[in-house]
Protein backbone atom coordinates (compact mmCIF):
# COMPACT_ATOMS: atom_id res chain seq x y z
CA MET A 1 78.80 64.94 166.49
CA ARG A 2 79.95 62.22 168.60
CA PRO A 3 82.31 59.64 167.00
CA MET A 4 80.38 56.31 166.26
CA LEU A 5 81.60 53.51 168.20
CA ARG A 6 82.52 49.77 167.22
CA ILE A 7 83.39 46.78 168.81
CA ARG A 8 85.15 44.25 166.62
CA ALA A 9 87.37 41.59 166.52
CA MET A 10 91.09 42.43 166.95
CA GLY A 11 92.95 41.99 163.94
CA GLU A 12 96.97 41.64 162.94
CA PRO A 13 96.88 44.87 161.64
CA ASP A 14 95.67 46.33 165.16
CA VAL A 15 98.70 45.30 166.96
CA ALA A 16 100.23 48.43 166.98
CA ASP A 17 97.70 50.48 168.10
CA VAL A 18 96.68 48.05 170.52
CA SER A 19 100.00 48.50 171.91
CA ALA A 20 99.68 51.76 172.40
CA ILE A 21 96.56 51.99 173.96
CA ARG A 22 98.11 49.12 176.51
CA VAL A 23 101.14 51.03 177.35
CA LEU A 24 99.09 54.49 177.52
CA GLY A 25 96.85 52.87 179.46
CA TRP A 26 98.98 51.35 181.92
CA ARG A 27 100.85 54.52 182.35
CA HIS A 28 97.55 56.31 183.14
CA ALA A 29 96.14 53.86 185.53
CA TYR A 30 98.90 52.75 187.63
CA ALA A 31 100.89 56.35 187.90
CA GLY A 32 101.41 56.20 191.57
CA LEU A 33 100.65 52.18 192.01
CA LEU A 34 103.49 50.45 190.52
CA PRO A 35 106.76 51.94 190.35
CA GLN A 36 107.51 54.80 188.14
CA GLY A 37 110.67 53.37 186.45
CA TYR A 38 108.77 50.44 185.64
CA LEU A 39 105.87 52.39 183.97
CA ASP A 40 108.39 54.57 182.21
CA ALA A 41 110.26 51.73 180.61
CA MET A 42 107.38 50.21 178.66
CA ASP A 43 107.91 50.74 174.80
CA PRO A 44 105.23 50.12 172.53
CA ALA A 45 107.27 48.69 169.89
CA GLU A 46 108.41 46.12 172.16
CA ASP A 47 104.97 45.55 173.46
CA ALA A 48 103.61 45.09 170.04
CA ALA A 49 106.43 42.43 168.96
CA ARG A 50 105.28 40.54 172.13
CA ARG A 51 101.67 40.75 171.62
CA ARG A 52 102.09 39.45 167.57
CA GLU A 53 103.88 36.43 169.22
CA TRP A 54 100.95 36.27 171.79
CA LEU A 55 98.13 36.82 169.35
CA ALA A 56 99.77 33.59 167.20
CA ARG A 57 100.18 31.10 170.06
CA SER A 58 96.86 31.72 171.66
CA ALA A 59 94.84 32.08 168.61
CA GLY A 60 91.28 30.09 169.55
CA ARG A 61 91.80 30.35 173.09
CA VAL A 62 92.24 34.03 173.65
CA HIS A 63 89.66 36.55 172.16
CA ASN A 64 90.66 40.24 171.64
CA LEU A 65 88.08 42.89 171.01
CA VAL A 66 88.99 46.84 169.85
CA ALA A 67 86.88 49.25 170.08
CA GLU A 68 87.09 51.60 167.06
CA GLU A 69 85.97 55.46 166.80
CA ALA A 70 84.68 56.21 163.14
CA ALA A 71 84.41 60.25 162.59
CA PRO A 72 81.84 61.75 160.75
CA ASP A 73 84.64 62.48 157.82
CA GLY A 74 84.78 58.64 157.68
CA THR A 75 88.25 58.51 159.24
CA ALA A 76 88.52 55.50 162.36
CA SER A 77 90.85 54.94 165.25
CA LEU A 78 91.06 52.58 168.11
CA VAL A 79 90.41 53.90 171.24
CA GLY A 80 90.27 50.70 173.37
CA TRP A 81 91.27 47.11 173.72
CA ALA A 82 89.65 44.06 175.79
CA ALA A 83 90.96 40.10 176.02
CA PHE A 84 89.00 37.51 177.64
CA GLY A 85 89.62 33.81 177.42
CA PRO A 86 89.58 30.79 179.69
CA TYR A 87 90.47 31.45 183.65
CA ARG A 88 94.41 31.29 183.96
CA GLY A 89 94.58 30.71 187.50
CA GLU A 90 93.26 27.02 189.39
CA ASP A 91 91.41 24.54 187.40
CA THR A 92 87.67 25.67 187.34
CA GLY A 93 86.61 24.06 184.38
CA ALA A 94 85.83 25.21 181.15
CA ALA A 95 82.54 27.04 182.81
CA VAL A 96 84.79 29.85 184.08
CA GLY A 97 86.33 32.83 181.92
CA GLU A 98 88.82 35.34 182.47
CA LEU A 99 88.86 38.97 181.51
CA TYR A 100 92.70 39.56 181.14
CA ALA A 101 92.86 43.26 179.63
CA LEU A 102 90.77 46.18 179.32
CA TYR A 103 92.45 49.57 178.35
CA VAL A 104 91.05 52.43 176.90
CA ARG A 105 92.94 55.71 175.72
CA PRO A 106 93.29 57.55 178.64
CA ASP A 107 91.03 60.84 176.57
CA ARG A 108 88.21 58.28 176.15
CA ILE A 109 87.68 57.21 179.83
CA GLY A 110 83.94 58.30 180.56
CA THR A 111 82.47 58.15 177.31
CA GLY A 112 81.26 54.63 177.57
CA THR A 113 84.26 52.41 175.52
CA GLY A 114 84.92 50.45 178.56
CA ARG A 115 81.59 49.88 178.97
CA ALA A 116 80.76 48.69 175.72
CA LEU A 117 84.20 46.49 175.23
CA THR A 118 83.36 45.09 178.91
CA ALA A 119 79.78 44.17 177.63
CA GLU A 120 80.60 42.63 174.37
CA ALA A 121 83.45 40.67 176.17
CA ILE A 122 80.58 39.54 178.79
CA ARG A 123 78.25 38.62 175.93
CA ARG A 124 80.94 36.69 174.12
CA SER A 125 82.10 34.75 177.02
CA ALA A 126 78.63 33.65 177.84
CA GLU A 127 78.22 32.33 173.88
CA LEU A 128 81.25 30.31 174.51
CA GLY A 129 79.63 28.47 177.53
CA ARG A 130 80.93 30.37 180.28
CA THR A 131 78.91 30.70 183.34
CA ARG A 132 81.37 33.05 185.37
CA LEU A 133 83.90 35.56 184.27
CA ALA A 134 86.54 36.14 186.65
CA LEU A 135 89.13 39.08 186.62
CA TRP A 136 91.99 40.62 188.52
CA VAL A 137 92.21 44.20 189.33
CA LEU A 138 95.22 46.16 191.32
CA THR A 139 93.58 46.57 195.21
CA GLY A 140 94.54 50.21 194.85
CA ASN A 141 93.23 51.23 191.81
CA ALA A 142 89.79 52.48 193.30
CA ARG A 143 88.68 53.68 189.74
CA ALA A 144 88.83 50.29 187.67
CA ARG A 145 87.42 48.74 191.07
CA ARG A 146 84.30 51.10 191.07
CA PHE A 147 84.30 50.35 187.00
CA TYR A 148 84.26 46.65 187.44
CA ALA A 149 81.83 46.96 190.39
CA ALA A 150 79.19 49.00 188.13
CA ALA A 151 79.49 46.22 185.49
CA GLY A 152 78.18 43.68 187.74
CA PHE A 153 81.35 41.99 189.45
CA ARG A 154 82.17 41.55 193.13
CA PRO A 155 85.22 40.87 195.11
CA ASP A 156 85.17 37.14 195.53
CA GLY A 157 87.96 37.36 198.86
CA ALA A 158 91.13 36.03 196.55
CA THR A 159 94.20 38.19 196.32
CA MET A 160 97.31 37.81 194.98
CA THR A 161 100.37 39.49 194.83
CA GLU A 162 102.63 40.53 192.00
CA LEU A 163 106.21 41.70 191.76
CA TYR A 164 107.18 44.98 189.71
CA ASP A 165 110.48 46.05 189.76
CA GLY A 166 110.81 44.38 192.95
CA VAL A 167 107.88 46.13 194.64
CA PRO A 168 105.33 43.76 195.36
CA VAL A 169 101.70 44.98 194.33
CA GLU A 170 98.47 42.94 195.63
CA GLU A 171 95.68 42.33 192.82
CA THR A 172 92.02 41.23 194.11
CA ARG A 173 90.00 38.95 191.90
CA TYR A 174 86.73 40.05 190.93
CA THR A 175 83.85 37.73 189.29
CA ARG A 176 80.58 37.96 187.83
CA ALA A 177 77.91 35.39 186.71
CA LEU A 178 76.93 35.32 183.12
CA GLY A 179 73.91 34.16 181.90
């Protein structure tokens, strides 16, 4: 029997699990795309401390969702996380939101967890009055680009370069209409 998946708002008690999912997600998704030393240096405990501060600072502006799997025996575990809110780039007004993060435990990729989190982030963004949702994806991350395209996002021509351990890595912006 397949475990039941529930999408809900993230709370402070979820932070350590979310940080573990994020670090595992980065190490899995970005292997070969980011410097391995950067990925190896990621520490879930340090990430959790930063995430707690971020959660407190961004309350009301940034929305965090978790995907929780409930097993038939009643136990539950977090298997995914998404964060979204106002667009962080150029001034686009309140109508544009951004999907900041979407990570699923590597052993849950392909199970629908990412699709469920994305759909809920899209739904809630529309409820907040957003008419468009943007996200940034590593240009070299073909799997993620296919995933977002299947969810209705399209590249809009914008790119930026971030440095990871001094190595430039290009990101591509994707957007989709809401409503």
